[in-house]
Amino acid sequence: MPSDDAPVKRLPSIYEESSQYRHWRFSLEKLTAIRKESNEAAVKRVQANFKDEQEISSDTTADNSEERQYLTVNDEQDLCLFFLEQLQTICRHFNFSDVLMATAVMYMKRFYLSNTVMDYHPKDILLTCLFLATKAESEHMSIEQFVKELHLPSTDSVLQLEFTVSQGLKFEFHVHHPYRPAYGLFLDMQSHNLDTTHLEEVYKKVKGKVIQQMLLTDLTLIYQPAQLALAAFKIASRNTAFASQFGKYVAERVPEGKQMTEILDAIESLYNKYKRIDSGEARAIDRRLRLCTNPAKNPNSTLNKKRAAEDDEERQRKKQAHE
């Protein structure tokens, strides 16, 4: 029988038992390495496919390699960021919840950790991520309603990529993000000996600006949602009358002390590095992308048609072998 003095083993939190904690947390250095490796592999693959396209195509212009400039890691990141901003705009326009928006954004960010814009354009992935998020966050609408609301020409652009995106997400659809812990902090601050005169104003900024911008950075792939929520209050409190009250709250309620202060400072530093991508920059990258989009993913390319025909023949052979 254990003694009364035996240390109590801390049970893991719900977040620590989640797939996000196990599979979707990285250091900044690891994220950089993953993206560099993915980009280099994508360039080699697309170069090889353009060579194959030229060999089987009668079009002598198929290999315009002198004009072709393959996208760099930064190019891919900037183009994705532009479309992540568009995704947030769409969610606001259609009054989707903050939780749904955050989930869709995280799906897109996770997808492009193992995929490249040279295979899948962000404007297409954006729509499928948003549709999957409506289901994951119990704000589901039929595909017909979704297409109608967003004025899309057909359901194909969404449904054809649903399995591909799900694979990129490792079929892990639940997302923890800072909105829920931020609300918990908002309630907790009201129950302590603080001057909460400006708290509601700060909380509106936390929800309406700070967390939204955090979602566009790598912060959500590095830090825990509760850490981001606390940092969001710190950032939103800057240069306000509530700043001193926030400091008092952290001193009284956060046991990690110096370690947590360092984490909050690191989050704020990365948050401040956010730079918006304007439409001109995005269009310039997109023009280059048109010349280096993987021909194997282009349904109009000779290579794509050849491989599709080979896949059909293989399926027919397997079907005949089982008859």
C-alpha atoms as a PDB file:
ATOM      1  CA  MET A   1       0.000   0.000   0.000  1.00  0.00           C
ATOM      2  CA  PRO A   2       1.537   3.365  -1.015  1.00  0.00           C
ATOM      3  CA  SER A   3       2.455   5.703   1.828  1.00  0.00           C
ATOM      4  CA  ASP A   4       0.816   9.084   2.287  1.00  0.00           C
ATOM      5  CA  ASP A   5       4.152  10.708   1.465  1.00  0.00           C
ATOM      6  CA  ALA A   6       4.426   9.068  -1.980  1.00  0.00           C
ATOM      7  CA  PRO A   7       4.521  11.662  -4.782  1.00  0.00           C
ATOM      8  CA  VAL A   8       1.266  12.027  -6.669  1.00  0.00           C
ATOM      9  CA  LYS A   9       1.702  11.185 -10.326  1.00  0.00           C
ATOM     10  CA  ARG A  10       0.278  13.956 -12.516  1.00  0.00           C
ATOM     11  CA  LEU A  11      -2.240  12.707 -15.033  1.00  0.00           C
ATOM     12  CA  PRO A  12      -1.735  13.935 -18.614  1.00  0.00           C
ATOM     13  CA  SER A  13      -4.059  16.672 -19.791  1.00  0.00           C
ATOM     14  CA  ILE A  14      -6.509  16.134 -22.642  1.00  0.00           C
ATOM     15  CA  TYR A  15      -4.179  18.080 -24.910  1.00  0.00           C
ATOM     16  CA  GLU A  16      -1.175  15.931 -23.955  1.00  0.00           C
ATOM     17  CA  GLU A  17      -3.120  12.841 -25.018  1.00  0.00           C
ATOM     18  CA  SER A  18      -4.116  14.324 -28.386  1.00  0.00           C
ATOM     19  CA  SER A  19      -2.748  13.564 -31.842  1.00  0.00           C
ATOM     20  CA  GLN A  20      -1.789  17.243 -32.087  1.00  0.00           C
ATOM     21  CA  TYR A  21       0.551  16.893 -29.104  1.00  0.00           C
ATOM     22  CA  ARG A  22       2.063  13.682 -30.489  1.00  0.00           C
ATOM     23  CA  HIS A  23       2.349  14.477 -34.194  1.00  0.00           C
ATOM     24  CA  TRP A  24       1.965  18.203 -34.900  1.00  0.00           C
ATOM     25  CA  ARG A  25       4.436  19.955 -32.579  1.00  0.00           C
ATOM     26  CA  PHE A  26       7.832  21.016 -33.869  1.00  0.00           C
ATOM     27  CA  SER A  27      10.730  23.263 -33.058  1.00  0.00           C
ATOM     28  CA  LEU A  28      11.351  26.183 -35.396  1.00  0.00           C
ATOM     29  CA  GLU A  29      14.513  24.442 -36.577  1.00  0.00           C
ATOM     30  CA  LYS A  30      12.617  21.231 -37.322  1.00  0.00           C
ATOM     31  CA  LEU A  31       9.969  23.113 -39.314  1.00  0.00           C
ATOM     32  CA  THR A  32      12.688  24.789 -41.367  1.00  0.00           C
ATOM     33  CA  ALA A  33      14.336  21.426 -42.080  1.00  0.00           C
ATOM     34  CA  ILE A  34      11.018  19.754 -43.023  1.00  0.00           C
ATOM     35  CA  ARG A  35      10.121  22.513 -45.470  1.00  0.00           C
ATOM     36  CA  LYS A  36      13.596  22.612 -47.006  1.00  0.00           C
ATOM     37  CA  GLU A  37      13.605  18.855 -47.550  1.00  0.00           C
ATOM     38  CA  SER A  38      10.071  18.900 -48.978  1.00  0.00           C
ATOM     39  CA  ASN A  39      10.860  21.749 -51.365  1.00  0.00           C
ATOM     40  CA  GLU A  40      14.071  20.151 -52.638  1.00  0.00           C
ATOM     41  CA  ALA A  41      12.315  16.824 -53.214  1.00  0.00           C
ATOM     42  CA  ALA A  42       9.448  18.575 -55.006  1.00  0.00           C
ATOM     43  CA  VAL A  43      11.777  20.457 -57.360  1.00  0.00           C
ATOM     44  CA  LYS A  44      13.608  17.247 -58.303  1.00  0.00           C
ATOM     45  CA  ARG A  45      10.329  15.410 -58.866  1.00  0.00           C
ATOM     46  CA  VAL A  46       8.814  18.174 -60.993  1.00  0.00           C
ATOM     47  CA  GLN A  47      12.022  18.537 -63.028  1.00  0.00           C
ATOM     48  CA  ALA A  48      11.950  14.805 -63.775  1.00  0.00           C
ATOM     49  CA  ASN A  49       8.291  14.987 -64.768  1.00  0.00           C
ATOM     50  CA  PHE A  50       8.923  17.877 -67.141  1.00  0.00           C
ATOM     51  CA  LYS A  51      11.664  15.794 -68.751  1.00  0.00           C
ATOM     52  CA  ASP A  52       9.232  12.870 -69.144  1.00  0.00           C
ATOM     53  CA  GLU A  53       6.612  15.253 -70.514  1.00  0.00           C
ATOM     54  CA  GLN A  54       9.001  16.508 -73.151  1.00  0.00           C
ATOM     55  CA  GLU A  55      10.000  12.989 -74.192  1.00  0.00           C
ATOM     56  CA  ILE A  56       6.440  11.790 -74.783  1.00  0.00           C
ATOM     57  CA  SER A  57       4.979  15.048 -76.074  1.00  0.00           C
ATOM     58  CA  SER A  58       5.088  16.301 -79.631  1.00  0.00           C
ATOM     59  CA  ASP A  59       5.034  19.847 -78.247  1.00  0.00           C
ATOM     60  CA  THR A  60       8.592  21.149 -78.602  1.00  0.00           C
ATOM     61  CA  THR A  61       7.806  23.954 -76.139  1.00  0.00           C
ATOM     62  CA  ALA A  62       7.111  21.479 -73.332  1.00  0.00           C
ATOM     63  CA  ASP A  63      10.614  22.012 -71.970  1.00  0.00           C
ATOM     64  CA  ASN A  64      10.900  25.765 -71.469  1.00  0.00           C
ATOM     65  CA  SER A  65      13.421  25.176 -68.681  1.00  0.00           C
ATOM     66  CA  GLU A  66      15.222  28.473 -69.301  1.00  0.00           C
ATOM     67  CA  GLU A  67      12.064  30.408 -68.391  1.00  0.00           C
ATOM     68  CA  ARG A  68      11.112  28.104 -65.543  1.00  0.00           C
ATOM     69  CA  GLN A  69      12.052  29.259 -62.055  1.00  0.00           C
ATOM     70  CA  TYR A  70      11.125  26.730 -59.425  1.00  0.00           C
ATOM     71  CA  LEU A  71       9.657  28.080 -56.223  1.00  0.00           C
ATOM     72  CA  THR A  72      11.846  28.360 -53.151  1.00  0.00           C
ATOM     73  CA  VAL A  73      10.777  27.496 -49.617  1.00  0.00           C
ATOM     74  CA  ASN A  74      10.077  31.182 -48.970  1.00  0.00           C
ATOM     75  CA  ASP A  75       8.026  31.450 -52.173  1.00  0.00           C
ATOM     76  CA  GLU A  76       5.868  28.524 -51.098  1.00  0.00           C
ATOM     77  CA  GLN A  77       5.456  29.946 -47.596  1.00  0.00           C
ATOM     78  CA  ASP A  78       4.502  33.391 -48.893  1.00  0.00           C
ATOM     79  CA  LEU A  79       1.936  32.045 -51.353  1.00  0.00           C
ATOM     80  CA  CYS A  80       0.381  29.843 -48.682  1.00  0.00           C
ATOM     81  CA  LEU A  81       0.265  32.776 -46.269  1.00  0.00           C
ATOM     82  CA  PHE A  82      -1.571  34.912 -48.830  1.00  0.00           C
ATOM     83  CA  PHE A  83      -4.230  32.226 -49.253  1.00  0.00           C
ATOM     84  CA  LEU A  84      -4.461  31.634 -45.504  1.00  0.00           C
ATOM     85  CA  GLU A  85      -5.370  35.308 -45.218  1.00  0.00           C
ATOM     86  CA  GLN A  86      -7.986  34.785 -47.934  1.00  0.00           C
ATOM     87  CA  LEU A  87      -9.340  31.835 -45.988  1.00  0.00           C
ATOM     88  CA  GLN A  88      -9.792  33.981 -42.902  1.00  0.00           C
ATOM     89  CA  THR A  89     -11.547  36.632 -45.012  1.00  0.00           C
ATOM     90  CA  ILE A  90     -13.943  34.016 -46.423  1.00  0.00           C
ATOM     91  CA  CYS A  91     -14.753  32.776 -42.921  1.00  0.00           C
ATOM     92  CA  ARG A  92     -15.541  36.294 -41.722  1.00  0.00           C
ATOM     93  CA  HIS A  93     -17.691  36.991 -44.791  1.00  0.00           C
ATOM     94  CA  PHE A  94     -19.817  33.902 -44.211  1.00  0.00           C
ATOM     95  CA  ASN A  95     -19.894  34.326 -40.415  1.00  0.00           C
ATOM     96  CA  PHE A  96     -18.199  31.018 -39.738  1.00  0.00           C
ATOM     97  CA  SER A  97     -17.106  30.627 -36.111  1.00  0.00           C
ATOM     98  CA  ASP A  98     -13.575  31.439 -34.979  1.00  0.00           C
ATOM     99  CA  VAL A  99     -13.129  27.782 -34.061  1.00  0.00           C
ATOM    100  CA  LEU A 100     -14.066  26.614 -37.562  1.00  0.00           C
ATOM    101  CA  MET A 101     -11.755  29.180 -39.134  1.00  0.00           C
ATOM    102  CA  ALA A 102      -8.857  28.139 -36.904  1.00  0.00           C
ATOM    103  CA  THR A 103      -9.375  24.485 -37.753  1.00  0.00           C
ATOM    104  CA  ALA A 104      -9.426  25.177 -41.500  1.00  0.00           C
ATOM    105  CA  VAL A 105      -6.251  27.259 -41.217  1.00  0.00           C
ATOM    106  CA  MET A 106      -4.491  24.528 -39.250  1.00  0.00           C
ATOM    107  CA  TYR A 107      -5.535  21.898 -41.799  1.00  0.00           C
ATOM    108  CA  MET A 108      -3.953  23.933 -44.570  1.00  0.00           C
ATOM    109  CA  LYS A 109      -0.754  24.557 -42.601  1.00  0.00           C
ATOM    110  CA  ARG A 110      -0.426  20.870 -41.739  1.00  0.00           C
ATOM    111  CA  PHE A 111      -1.141  19.758 -45.311  1.00  0.00           C
ATOM    112  CA  TYR A 112       1.711  21.813 -46.727  1.00  0.00           C
ATOM    113  CA  LEU A 113       4.229  20.319 -44.305  1.00  0.00           C
ATOM    114  CA  SER A 114       4.236  17.198 -46.478  1.00  0.00           C
ATOM    115  CA  ASN A 115       2.996  18.636 -49.779  1.00  0.00           C
ATOM    116  CA  THR A 116       4.019  21.393 -52.175  1.00  0.00           C
ATOM    117  CA  VAL A 117       2.177  24.161 -53.994  1.00  0.00           C
ATOM    118  CA  MET A 118       3.885  22.899 -57.156  1.00  0.00           C
ATOM    119  CA  ASP A 119       1.609  19.840 -56.880  1.00  0.00           C
ATOM    120  CA  TYR A 120      -1.495  21.378 -55.297  1.00  0.00           C
ATOM    121  CA  HIS A 121      -2.420  25.038 -55.614  1.00  0.00           C
ATOM    122  CA  PRO A 122      -3.434  26.700 -52.308  1.00  0.00           C
ATOM    123  CA  LYS A 123      -6.631  28.157 -53.817  1.00  0.00           C
ATOM    124  CA  ASP A 124      -7.888  24.589 -54.314  1.00  0.00           C
ATOM    125  CA  ILE A 125      -6.624  23.161 -51.022  1.00  0.00           C
ATOM    126  CA  LEU A 126      -8.176  26.119 -49.180  1.00  0.00           C
ATOM    127  CA  LEU A 127     -11.702  25.105 -50.200  1.00  0.00           C
ATOM    128  CA  THR A 128     -11.305  21.456 -49.256  1.00  0.00           C
ATOM    129  CA  CYS A 129      -9.770  22.376 -45.877  1.00  0.00           C
ATOM    130  CA  LEU A 130     -12.694  24.679 -45.184  1.00  0.00           C
ATOM    131  CA  PHE A 131     -15.249  22.023 -46.117  1.00  0.00           C
ATOM    132  CA  LEU A 132     -13.533  19.413 -43.913  1.00  0.00           C
ATOM    133  CA  ALA A 133     -13.469  21.921 -41.051  1.00  0.00           C
ATOM    134  CA  THR A 134     -17.242  22.438 -41.270  1.00  0.00           C
ATOM    135  CA  LYS A 135     -17.636  18.728 -40.594  1.00  0.00           C
ATOM    136  CA  ALA A 136     -14.972  18.485 -37.891  1.00  0.00           C
ATOM    137  CA  GLU A 137     -16.395  21.428 -35.915  1.00  0.00           C
ATOM    138  CA  SER A 138     -20.024  20.298 -36.141  1.00  0.00           C
ATOM    139  CA  GLU A 139     -21.004  23.193 -38.381  1.00  0.00           C
ATOM    140  CA  HIS A 140     -21.571  20.808 -41.232  1.00  0.00           C
ATOM    141  CA  MET A 141     -23.345  21.823 -44.384  1.00  0.00           C
ATOM    142  CA  SER A 142     -24.001  19.650 -47.412  1.00  0.00           C
ATOM    143  CA  ILE A 143     -21.538  19.868 -50.270  1.00  0.00           C
ATOM    144  CA  GLU A 144     -24.314  21.311 -52.421  1.00  0.00           C
ATOM    145  CA  GLN A 145     -24.978  24.080 -49.894  1.00  0.00           C
ATOM    146  CA  PHE A 146     -21.237  24.699 -49.470  1.00  0.00           C
ATOM    147  CA  VAL A 147     -20.743  25.115 -53.221  1.00  0.00           C
ATOM    148  CA  LYS A 148     -23.782  27.377 -53.459  1.00  0.00           C
ATOM    149  CA  GLU A 149     -22.711  29.600 -50.544  1.00  0.00           C
ATOM    150  CA  LEU A 150     -19.202  30.064 -51.945  1.00  0.00           C
ATOM    151  CA  HIS A 151     -20.423  30.455 -55.548  1.00  0.00           C
ATOM    152  CA  LEU A 152     -18.282  27.575 -56.842  1.00  0.00           C
ATOM    153  CA  PRO A 153     -18.917  26.155 -60.325  1.00  0.00           C
ATOM    154  CA  SER A 154     -19.231  22.530 -59.132  1.00  0.00           C
ATOM    155  CA  THR A 155     -18.561  20.150 -56.259  1.00  0.00           C
ATOM    156  CA  ASP A 156     -15.611  18.578 -58.079  1.00  0.00           C
ATOM    157  CA  SER A 157     -13.042  21.166 -57.001  1.00  0.00           C
ATOM    158  CA  VAL A 158     -13.765  20.313 -53.359  1.00  0.00           C
ATOM    159  CA  LEU A 159     -14.498  16.587 -53.379  1.00  0.00           C
ATOM    160  CA  GLN A 160     -11.684  15.505 -55.698  1.00  0.00           C
ATOM    161  CA  LEU A 161      -9.122  16.680 -53.154  1.00  0.00           C
ATOM    162  CA  GLU A 162     -10.905  15.510 -50.002  1.00  0.00           C
ATOM    163  CA  PHE A 163      -9.015  12.207 -49.731  1.00  0.00           C
ATOM    164  CA  THR A 164      -5.696  13.835 -50.700  1.00  0.00           C
ATOM    165  CA  VAL A 165      -6.050  16.480 -47.990  1.00  0.00           C
ATOM    166  CA  SER A 166      -7.157  13.884 -45.443  1.00  0.00           C
ATOM    167  CA  GLN A 167      -4.027  11.871 -46.200  1.00  0.00           C
ATOM    168  CA  GLY A 168      -1.904  14.998 -45.692  1.00  0.00           C
ATOM    169  CA  LEU A 169      -3.568  15.422 -42.292  1.00  0.00           C
ATOM    170  CA  LYS A 170      -2.833  11.756 -41.439  1.00  0.00           C
ATOM    171  CA  PHE A 171      -6.620  11.456 -41.005  1.00  0.00           C
ATOM    172  CA  GLU A 172      -6.262  13.392 -37.739  1.00  0.00           C
ATOM    173  CA  PHE A 173      -9.000  15.996 -37.800  1.00  0.00           C
ATOM    174  CA  HIS A 174      -9.292  17.241 -34.230  1.00  0.00           C
ATOM    175  CA  VAL A 175      -7.509  20.546 -33.617  1.00  0.00           C
ATOM    176  CA  HIS A 176      -6.706  22.280 -30.340  1.00  0.00           C
ATOM    177  CA  HIS A 177      -6.290  26.032 -30.780  1.00  0.00           C
ATOM    178  CA  PRO A 178      -5.992  29.068 -28.487  1.00  0.00           C
ATOM    179  CA  TYR A 179      -9.623  30.262 -28.521  1.00  0.00           C
ATOM    180  CA  ARG A 180     -10.911  27.918 -25.828  1.00  0.00           C
ATOM    181  CA  PRO A 181      -8.071  28.479 -23.329  1.00  0.00           C
ATOM    182  CA  ALA A 182      -8.298  32.226 -24.017  1.00  0.00           C
ATOM    183  CA  TYR A 183     -11.946  32.161 -22.955  1.00  0.00           C
ATOM    184  CA  GLY A 184     -10.965  30.187 -19.856  1.00  0.00           C
ATOM    185  CA  LEU A 185      -8.375  32.827 -18.976  1.00  0.00           C
ATOM    186  CA  PHE A 186     -10.949  35.577 -19.530  1.00  0.00           C
ATOM    187  CA  LEU A 187     -13.277  33.927 -17.003  1.00  0.00           C
ATOM    188  CA  ASP A 188     -10.473  33.187 -14.535  1.00  0.00           C
ATOM    189  CA  MET A 189      -9.230  36.769 -14.580  1.00  0.00           C
ATOM    190  CA  GLN A 190     -12.682  37.961 -13.566  1.00  0.00           C
ATOM    191  CA  SER A 191     -12.655  35.762 -10.464  1.00  0.00           C
ATOM    192  CA  HIS A 192      -9.415  37.187  -9.056  1.00  0.00           C
ATOM    193  CA  ASN A 193      -8.494  40.386  -7.296  1.00  0.00           C
ATOM    194  CA  LEU A 194      -7.857  42.356 -10.491  1.00  0.00           C
ATOM    195  CA  ASP A 195      -9.094  45.635 -11.849  1.00  0.00           C
ATOM    196  CA  THR A 196     -11.037  44.243 -14.797  1.00  0.00           C
ATOM    197  CA  THR A 197     -12.239  47.611 -16.117  1.00  0.00           C
ATOM    198  CA  HIS A 198     -10.400  47.121 -19.404  1.00  0.00           C
ATOM    199  CA  LEU A 199     -10.446  43.310 -19.476  1.00  0.00           C
ATOM    200  CA  GLU A 200     -13.339  42.958 -21.913  1.00  0.00           C
ATOM    201  CA  GLU A 201     -11.708  45.364 -24.336  1.00  0.00           C
ATOM    202  CA  VAL A 202      -8.453  43.394 -24.167  1.00  0.00           C
ATOM    203  CA  TYR A 203     -10.289  40.086 -24.646  1.00  0.00           C
ATOM    204  CA  LYS A 204     -11.983  41.419 -27.794  1.00  0.00           C
ATOM    205  CA  LYS A 205      -8.534  42.232 -29.179  1.00  0.00           C
ATOM    206  CA  VAL A 206      -7.292  38.770 -28.200  1.00  0.00           C
ATOM    207  CA  LYS A 207     -10.064  37.132 -30.221  1.00  0.00           C
ATOM    208  CA  GLY A 208     -10.450  39.613 -33.023  1.00  0.00           C
ATOM    209  CA  LYS A 209      -6.829  40.272 -33.890  1.00  0.00           C
ATOM    210  CA  VAL A 210      -4.069  38.590 -31.900  1.00  0.00           C
ATOM    211  CA  ILE A 211      -5.079  34.933 -32.182  1.00  0.00           C
ATOM    212  CA  GLN A 212      -6.073  35.410 -35.810  1.00  0.00           C
ATOM    213  CA  GLN A 213      -2.586  36.692 -36.568  1.00  0.00           C
ATOM    214  CA  MET A 214      -0.991  33.921 -34.503  1.00  0.00           C
ATOM    215  CA  LEU A 215      -2.733  31.383 -36.719  1.00  0.00           C
ATOM    216  CA  LEU A 216      -0.934  32.816 -39.747  1.00  0.00           C
ATOM    217  CA  THR A 217       2.487  32.247 -38.181  1.00  0.00           C
ATOM    218  CA  ASP A 218       4.349  29.087 -37.156  1.00  0.00           C
ATOM    219  CA  LEU A 219       3.395  29.658 -33.521  1.00  0.00           C
ATOM    220  CA  THR A 220       0.549  27.124 -33.608  1.00  0.00           C
ATOM    221  CA  LEU A 221       2.981  24.426 -34.812  1.00  0.00           C
ATOM    222  CA  ILE A 222       5.468  25.160 -32.017  1.00  0.00           C
ATOM    223  CA  TYR A 223       3.655  26.143 -28.813  1.00  0.00           C
ATOM    224  CA  GLN A 224       0.755  24.747 -26.834  1.00  0.00           C
ATOM    225  CA  PRO A 225      -2.656  26.429 -27.199  1.00  0.00           C
ATOM    226  CA  ALA A 226      -2.750  27.490 -23.537  1.00  0.00           C
ATOM    227  CA  GLN A 227       0.673  29.141 -23.875  1.00  0.00           C
ATOM    228  CA  LEU A 228      -0.512  30.977 -26.998  1.00  0.00           C
ATOM    229  CA  ALA A 229      -3.687  32.098 -25.238  1.00  0.00           C
ATOM    230  CA  LEU A 230      -1.715  33.567 -22.329  1.00  0.00           C
ATOM    231  CA  ALA A 231       0.690  35.254 -24.747  1.00  0.00           C
ATOM    232  CA  ALA A 232      -2.273  36.674 -26.653  1.00  0.00           C
ATOM    233  CA  PHE A 233      -3.421  38.466 -23.500  1.00  0.00           C
ATOM    234  CA  LYS A 234       0.108  39.771 -22.952  1.00  0.00           C
ATOM    235  CA  ILE A 235       0.269  41.122 -26.513  1.00  0.00           C
ATOM    236  CA  ALA A 236      -3.266  42.561 -26.411  1.00  0.00           C
ATOM    237  CA  SER A 237      -2.508  44.266 -23.076  1.00  0.00           C
ATOM    238  CA  ARG A 238       0.516  46.142 -24.386  1.00  0.00           C
ATOM    239  CA  ASN A 239       0.228  49.907 -23.950  1.00  0.00           C
ATOM    240  CA  THR A 240      -3.122  49.570 -22.183  1.00  0.00           C
ATOM    241  CA  ALA A 241      -4.269  50.217 -18.664  1.00  0.00           C
ATOM    242  CA  PHE A 242      -4.654  46.461 -18.182  1.00  0.00           C
ATOM    243  CA  ALA A 243      -0.924  45.689 -18.710  1.00  0.00           C
ATOM    244  CA  SER A 244      -0.083  45.944 -15.008  1.00  0.00           C
ATOM    245  CA  GLN A 245      -3.088  43.790 -14.106  1.00  0.00           C
ATOM    246  CA  PHE A 246      -1.959  41.119 -16.544  1.00  0.00           C
ATOM    247  CA  GLY A 247       1.490  41.102 -14.946  1.00  0.00           C
ATOM    248  CA  LYS A 248      -0.109  40.717 -11.527  1.00  0.00           C
ATOM    249  CA  TYR A 249      -2.261  37.831 -12.790  1.00  0.00           C
ATOM    250  CA  VAL A 250       0.735  35.951 -14.225  1.00  0.00           C
ATOM    251  CA  ALA A 251       2.712  36.429 -11.010  1.00  0.00           C
ATOM    252  CA  GLU A 252      -0.150  35.035  -8.921  1.00  0.00           C
ATOM    253  CA  ARG A 253      -1.540  32.322 -11.176  1.00  0.00           C
ATOM    254  CA  VAL A 254       1.276  30.936 -13.333  1.00  0.00           C
ATOM    255  CA  PRO A 255       3.489  28.552 -11.345  1.00  0.00           C
ATOM    256  CA  GLU A 256       6.278  28.226 -13.941  1.00  0.00           C
ATOM    257  CA  GLY A 257       7.423  31.798 -13.276  1.00  0.00           C
ATOM    258  CA  LYS A 258      10.643  32.602 -15.128  1.00  0.00           C
ATOM    259  CA  GLN A 259      10.267  29.710 -17.589  1.00  0.00           C
ATOM    260  CA  MET A 260       6.792  30.876 -18.638  1.00  0.00           C
ATOM    261  CA  THR A 261       8.005  34.475 -18.969  1.00  0.00           C
ATOM    262  CA  GLU A 262      10.684  33.276 -21.396  1.00  0.00           C
ATOM    263  CA  ILE A 263       8.086  31.339 -23.384  1.00  0.00           C
ATOM    264  CA  LEU A 264       5.767  34.344 -23.568  1.00  0.00           C
ATOM    265  CA  ASP A 265       8.645  36.564 -24.722  1.00  0.00           C
ATOM    266  CA  ALA A 266       9.615  34.049 -27.418  1.00  0.00           C
ATOM    267  CA  ILE A 267       6.016  33.860 -28.653  1.00  0.00           C
ATOM    268  CA  GLU A 268       5.741  37.638 -28.771  1.00  0.00           C
ATOM    269  CA  SER A 269       9.023  37.900 -30.685  1.00  0.00           C
ATOM    270  CA  LEU A 270       7.856  35.463 -33.389  1.00  0.00           C
ATOM    271  CA  TYR A 271       4.433  37.133 -33.467  1.00  0.00           C
ATOM    272  CA  ASN A 272       6.056  40.502 -34.175  1.00  0.00           C
ATOM    273  CA  LYS A 273       7.875  39.056 -37.204  1.00  0.00           C
ATOM    274  CA  TYR A 274       4.605  38.447 -39.049  1.00  0.00           C
ATOM    275  CA  LYS A 275       4.560  40.212 -42.407  1.00  0.00           C
ATOM    276  CA  ARG A 276       1.468  40.354 -44.550  1.00  0.00           C
ATOM    277  CA  ILE A 277       1.764  39.272 -48.205  1.00  0.00           C
ATOM    278  CA  ASP A 278       0.031  41.681 -50.573  1.00  0.00           C
ATOM    279  CA  SER A 279      -1.746  40.657 -53.769  1.00  0.00           C
ATOM    280  CA  GLY A 280       1.077  41.963 -55.977  1.00  0.00           C
ATOM    281  CA  GLU A 281       3.637  39.705 -54.292  1.00  0.00           C
ATOM    282  CA  ALA A 282       1.267  36.736 -54.490  1.00  0.00           C
ATOM    283  CA  ARG A 283       0.559  37.308 -58.192  1.00  0.00           C
ATOM    284  CA  ALA A 284       4.288  37.451 -58.970  1.00  0.00           C
ATOM    285  CA  ILE A 285       4.843  34.074 -57.280  1.00  0.00           C
ATOM    286  CA  ASP A 286       1.744  32.645 -58.935  1.00  0.00           C
ATOM    287  CA  ARG A 287       3.005  33.627 -62.407  1.00  0.00           C
ATOM    288  CA  ARG A 288       6.178  31.645 -61.763  1.00  0.00           C
ATOM    289  CA  LEU A 289       4.148  28.776 -60.348  1.00  0.00           C
ATOM    290  CA  ARG A 290       2.248  28.408 -63.626  1.00  0.00           C
ATOM    291  CA  LEU A 291       5.519  27.535 -65.357  1.00  0.00           C
ATOM    292  CA  CYS A 292       6.659  25.031 -62.732  1.00  0.00           C
ATOM    293  CA  THR A 293       3.412  23.297 -61.759  1.00  0.00           C
ATOM    294  CA  ASN A 294       3.942  19.546 -61.800  1.00  0.00           C
ATOM    295  CA  PRO A 295       2.737  18.237 -65.207  1.00  0.00           C
ATOM    296  CA  ALA A 296       1.822  14.943 -63.551  1.00  0.00           C
ATOM    297  CA  LYS A 297      -0.891  16.847 -61.651  1.00  0.00           C
ATOM    298  CA  ASN A 298      -2.136  18.737 -64.722  1.00  0.00           C
ATOM    299  CA  PRO A 299      -5.095  16.834 -66.268  1.00  0.00           C
ATOM    300  CA  ASN A 300      -4.401  18.468 -69.642  1.00  0.00           C
ATOM    301  CA  SER A 301      -0.767  17.363 -69.849  1.00  0.00           C
ATOM    302  CA  THR A 302       0.392  14.467 -72.011  1.00  0.00           C
ATOM    303  CA  LEU A 303       2.173  12.920 -69.025  1.00  0.00           C
ATOM    304  CA  ASN A 304      -0.944  12.988 -66.858  1.00  0.00           C
ATOM    305  CA  LYS A 305      -3.057  11.404 -69.601  1.00  0.00           C
ATOM    306  CA  LYS A 306      -0.429   8.714 -70.240  1.00  0.00           C
ATOM    307  CA  ARG A 307      -0.179   7.781 -66.563  1.00  0.00           C
ATOM    308  CA  ALA A 308      -3.976   7.816 -66.178  1.00  0.00           C
ATOM    309  CA  ALA A 309      -4.256   5.423 -69.136  1.00  0.00           C
ATOM    310  CA  GLU A 310      -1.590   3.159 -67.599  1.00  0.00           C
ATOM    311  CA  ASP A 311      -3.470   3.144 -64.284  1.00  0.00           C
ATOM    312  CA  ASP A 312      -6.697   2.205 -66.092  1.00  0.00           C
ATOM    313  CA  GLU A 313      -4.935  -0.635 -67.893  1.00  0.00           C
ATOM    314  CA  GLU A 314      -3.491  -1.902 -64.616  1.00  0.00           C
ATOM    315  CA  ARG A 315      -6.920  -1.851 -62.968  1.00  0.00           C
ATOM    316  CA  GLN A 316      -8.394  -3.754 -65.918  1.00  0.00           C
ATOM    317  CA  ARG A 317      -5.650  -6.407 -65.695  1.00  0.00           C
ATOM    318  CA  LYS A 318      -6.261  -6.868 -61.965  1.00  0.00           C
ATOM    319  CA  LYS A 319      -9.999  -7.082 -62.553  1.00  0.00           C
ATOM    320  CA  GLN A 320      -9.585  -9.707 -65.277  1.00  0.00           C
ATOM    321  CA  ALA A 321      -7.169 -11.699 -63.098  1.00  0.00           C
ATOM    322  CA  HIS A 322      -9.838 -11.996 -60.395  1.00  0.00           C
ATOM    323  CA  GLU A 323     -12.656 -13.002 -62.747  1.00  0.00           C
END
